[in-house]
Protein backbone atom coordinates (compact mmCIF):
# COMPACT_ATOMS: atom_id res chain seq x y z
CA MET A 1 0.00 0.00 0.00
CA ARG A 2 1.29 3.45 -0.81
CA VAL A 3 0.40 7.07 -1.45
CA LEU A 4 0.45 7.91 -5.15
CA SER A 5 -0.43 11.58 -4.82
CA VAL A 6 -0.79 14.16 -2.05
CA ASN A 7 -3.43 16.76 -2.93
CA VAL A 8 -4.30 20.05 -1.24
CA GLY A 9 -6.55 23.03 -1.87
CA LEU A 10 -7.78 26.21 -0.23
CA PRO A 11 -11.35 27.55 -0.26
CA ARG A 12 -12.33 29.20 -3.53
CA LYS A 13 -15.48 30.74 -4.94
CA VAL A 14 -17.00 29.11 -8.01
CA VAL A 15 -20.22 29.65 -9.93
CA PHE A 16 -22.55 26.65 -9.97
CA ASN A 17 -26.11 26.74 -11.33
CA GLY A 18 -25.99 30.52 -11.28
CA GLN A 19 -24.94 30.75 -7.64
CA ILE A 20 -21.60 31.50 -6.01
CA VAL A 21 -20.37 28.56 -3.94
CA THR A 22 -17.36 28.52 -1.63
CA THR A 23 -15.64 25.14 -1.68
CA SER A 24 -12.31 23.43 -1.07
CA ILE A 25 -13.09 20.32 -3.08
CA PHE A 26 -10.71 21.42 -5.84
CA LYS A 27 -7.44 19.73 -4.83
CA ASP A 28 -4.17 19.71 -6.76
CA PRO A 29 -1.23 17.31 -6.43
CA ILE A 30 1.90 18.71 -4.83
CA LYS A 31 5.54 17.66 -5.01
CA GLY A 32 7.79 17.02 -2.06
CA SER A 33 7.20 16.50 1.62
CA ILE A 34 4.41 18.25 3.53
CA MET A 35 3.31 18.33 7.15
CA LEU A 36 0.18 16.45 8.17
CA ARG A 37 -1.25 18.16 11.23
CA ASN A 38 -4.12 17.33 13.58
CA LEU A 39 -6.75 19.06 11.44
CA ASN A 40 -5.34 18.99 7.91
CA LEU A 41 -2.30 19.09 5.68
CA ASP A 42 -0.34 22.32 5.41
CA GLY A 43 -1.81 24.24 2.49
CA ASP A 44 -5.18 22.55 2.79
CA ARG A 45 -8.37 23.91 4.36
CA GLN A 46 -12.06 23.03 4.54
CA ALA A 47 -14.59 25.64 3.45
CA ASP A 48 -17.56 24.60 5.60
CA LEU A 49 -16.45 23.33 8.99
CA THR A 50 -20.01 22.42 10.01
CA VAL A 51 -19.91 19.34 7.78
CA HIS A 52 -16.28 19.02 6.67
CA GLY A 53 -12.99 18.69 8.48
CA GLY A 54 -12.49 18.42 12.21
CA ILE A 55 -10.56 15.87 14.24
CA ASP A 56 -12.33 12.83 12.76
CA LYS A 57 -12.11 14.06 9.15
CA ALA A 58 -8.61 15.51 9.15
CA VAL A 59 -7.51 13.72 5.99
CA TYR A 60 -9.38 11.92 3.22
CA SER A 61 -8.04 9.13 1.02
CA TYR A 62 -9.43 7.73 -2.21
CA PRO A 63 -8.19 4.62 -4.04
CA GLU A 64 -6.78 5.09 -7.50
CA GLU A 65 -8.32 1.68 -8.23
CA HIS A 66 -11.72 3.39 -8.40
CA TYR A 67 -10.69 5.84 -11.10
CA ASP A 68 -11.10 3.32 -13.93
CA TYR A 69 -14.70 2.72 -12.84
CA TRP A 70 -15.50 6.43 -12.83
CA GLN A 71 -13.74 7.04 -16.13
CA LYS A 72 -16.07 4.49 -17.71
CA GLN A 73 -19.04 6.25 -16.11
CA PHE A 74 -17.89 9.64 -17.41
CA PRO A 75 -15.76 8.90 -20.51
CA ASN A 76 -15.57 12.53 -21.61
CA MET A 77 -14.24 13.86 -18.31
CA ASP A 78 -10.59 14.36 -17.43
CA LEU A 79 -10.37 12.60 -14.06
CA ARG A 80 -7.11 13.67 -12.48
CA TRP A 81 -5.90 12.59 -9.05
CA GLY A 82 -7.59 14.75 -6.45
CA MET A 83 -10.83 14.80 -8.47
CA PHE A 84 -12.85 13.50 -5.53
CA GLY A 85 -11.41 16.05 -3.15
CA GLU A 86 -9.08 13.48 -1.63
CA ASN A 87 -5.88 14.45 0.14
CA PHE A 88 -4.27 11.08 -0.54
CA THR A 89 -4.76 9.18 -3.78
CA THR A 90 -3.75 5.70 -2.70
CA GLU A 91 -2.85 2.29 -4.05
CA GLY A 92 -3.97 -0.84 -2.20
CA LEU A 93 -5.93 0.91 0.56
CA MET A 94 -9.45 -0.36 -0.11
CA GLU A 95 -12.68 0.16 1.81
CA ASP A 96 -13.49 -3.55 2.04
CA ALA A 97 -10.10 -4.34 3.58
CA VAL A 98 -9.73 -1.47 6.06
CA ASN A 99 -11.42 -1.76 9.45
CA ILE A 100 -12.69 1.32 11.19
CA GLY A 101 -10.12 1.76 13.95
CA ASN A 102 -7.19 0.39 11.96
CA ARG A 103 -4.04 2.42 12.56
CA PHE A 104 -1.49 3.23 9.89
CA GLN A 105 1.82 5.01 9.48
CA ILE A 106 2.51 7.19 6.46
CA GLY A 107 5.91 8.86 6.45
CA SER A 108 6.42 10.00 10.04
CA ALA A 109 2.67 10.52 10.65
CA LYS A 110 0.27 8.07 12.27
CA ILE A 111 -3.45 7.97 11.46
CA VAL A 112 -6.55 5.94 12.30
CA ALA A 113 -9.49 5.12 9.99
CA THR A 114 -12.68 6.73 11.33
CA GLN A 115 -15.47 6.61 8.73
CA PRO A 116 -16.52 6.52 5.08
CA ARG A 117 -17.38 9.64 3.17
CA MET A 118 -21.01 10.65 2.82
CA PRO A 119 -20.94 13.10 -0.12
CA CYS A 120 -22.59 16.52 -0.06
CA TYR A 121 -23.54 18.72 -3.01
CA LYS A 122 -19.94 19.98 -3.29
CA LEU A 123 -19.04 16.77 -5.12
CA GLY A 124 -21.71 17.75 -7.64
CA VAL A 125 -20.04 21.15 -7.95
CA ARG A 126 -16.71 19.48 -8.69
CA PHE A 127 -18.18 17.21 -11.36
CA GLY A 128 -20.60 19.81 -12.70
CA ARG A 129 -23.52 17.41 -12.31
CA MET A 130 -25.61 16.51 -9.28
CA ASP A 131 -26.28 12.90 -10.23
CA ILE A 132 -22.73 12.06 -9.12
CA ILE A 133 -23.91 12.16 -5.49
CA ARG A 134 -26.39 9.33 -5.95
CA ARG A 135 -23.96 7.39 -8.14
CA PHE A 136 -21.19 7.84 -5.59
CA MET A 137 -23.35 6.50 -2.76
CA THR A 138 -24.70 3.49 -4.64
CA SER A 139 -21.26 2.58 -6.04
CA GLY A 140 -19.89 1.68 -2.61
CA ARG A 141 -16.69 3.54 -3.50
CA SER A 142 -16.68 5.92 -0.55
CA GLY A 143 -13.04 6.50 0.24
CA ILE A 144 -11.83 6.73 3.83
CA TYR A 145 -11.56 9.50 6.41
CA PHE A 146 -8.79 9.46 9.01
CA LYS A 147 -7.97 11.05 12.33
CA VAL A 148 -4.36 12.10 12.94
CA LEU A 149 -2.78 10.35 15.92
CA GLN A 150 0.72 11.73 15.39
CA GLU A 151 1.63 14.69 13.22
CA GLY A 152 4.39 14.13 10.71
CA GLN A 153 5.81 14.62 7.24
CA VAL A 154 4.20 12.81 4.30
CA GLU A 155 4.75 12.75 0.55
CA ALA A 156 3.79 10.94 -2.61
CA GLY A 157 5.48 7.56 -2.78
CA ASP A 158 5.28 6.91 0.97
CA LYS A 159 4.34 3.40 1.98
CA ILE A 160 1.16 2.96 4.01
CA LYS A 161 2.03 0.61 6.85
CA ILE A 162 -0.62 -0.92 9.10
CA ILE A 163 0.47 -0.77 12.73
CA ARG A 164 -2.67 -2.05 14.43
CA LYS A 165 -5.83 -3.78 13.25
CA ASP A 166 -9.09 -3.10 15.10
CA GLU A 167 -10.40 -6.29 16.68
CA ASN A 168 -14.09 -5.49 16.03
CA ASN A 169 -13.59 -6.26 12.32
CA VAL A 170 -16.03 -3.74 10.89
CA THR A 171 -14.79 -2.42 7.56
CA VAL A 172 -15.35 0.96 6.00
CA LYS A 173 -17.52 -0.75 3.41
CA ASP A 174 -19.57 -2.35 6.20
CA ILE A 175 -20.41 1.10 7.58
CA VAL A 176 -21.66 2.23 4.17
CA ARG A 177 -23.79 -0.91 3.87
CA LEU A 178 -25.27 -0.42 7.33
CA TYR A 179 -26.12 3.17 6.44
CA VAL A 180 -27.84 2.58 3.12
CA ARG A 181 -29.65 -0.67 3.97
CA ASP A 182 -32.10 -1.59 6.72
CA ASN A 183 -31.49 -5.28 7.32
CA ASP A 184 -31.97 -7.14 10.59
CA GLU A 185 -29.17 -9.48 9.59
CA ASP A 186 -26.76 -6.58 10.09
CA ILE A 187 -27.63 -6.13 13.77
CA GLU A 188 -24.60 -8.08 14.95
CA THR A 189 -22.32 -5.92 12.78
CA MET A 190 -23.99 -2.83 14.25
CA ARG A 191 -23.29 -4.12 17.75
CA ARG A 192 -19.61 -4.48 16.90
CA ALA A 193 -19.60 -1.04 15.30
CA THR A 194 -20.88 0.59 18.49
CA LYS A 195 -17.81 -0.74 20.31
CA ILE A 196 -15.30 0.96 18.00
CA GLU A 197 -13.71 3.89 19.80
CA ALA A 198 -12.48 5.47 16.55
CA LEU A 199 -15.98 5.54 15.01
CA PRO A 200 -17.45 9.02 15.65
CA GLU A 201 -20.19 9.25 18.26
CA GLY A 202 -22.84 10.23 15.71
CA TRP A 203 -22.37 6.96 13.83
CA ARG A 204 -22.39 4.89 17.01
CA ASN A 205 -25.56 6.57 18.26
CA GLU A 206 -27.32 5.94 14.95
CA PHE A 207 -26.51 2.24 15.11
CA LYS A 208 -27.57 2.04 18.76
CA GLN A 209 -30.95 3.49 17.79
CA LYS A 210 -31.36 0.94 15.00
CA ILE A 211 -30.49 -1.87 17.39
CA GLU A 212 -33.06 -0.61 19.92
CA GLN A 213 -35.74 -0.38 17.21
CA SER A 214 -35.04 -3.96 16.11
CA GLU A 215 -35.50 -5.19 19.68
CA ARG A 216 -38.91 -3.62 20.21
């Protein structure tokens, strides 16, 4: 597993459907080493902190393996790394193989997987079409958010080393499935998800409510 590209961007104003929108979803690859801090990479900012960024969404990764799928969906688009607003375009770091709570080292930084991405309309702004939001959700190709455990220097080409695997064995893809489907067979997975310290409280509370409803 490795980082293929490190991408950053600052808030900018763009015109979308006749309205001015402030967004940081436009990310560009950078060269050389950069500092990953508790809330973001140097040179990177989130535009709307009510739904983006924060401790549990400090850095976002997206697998380059998904780009072929999206290129087939949108053959006339130029899909460059960073297109999905990801900070790390990665190789080998897949949603169905990463447990929430897994810890990794990239360069001298240490991070922990916290949650999948639930896209907002800004992804539609980036693609210039709002149907990408529905397609993104149903594709199961969510990417992964991380919390920073130890600040450090990172750069393209760095290996992604797993340093601890979460024992609850709930993958990023599992969380997406639990969110989009209402299936009693997933109750046991929900129970395990509620025990994951790295999973944000909002997610754990939602699963606790679903478990309570199933037991009524």
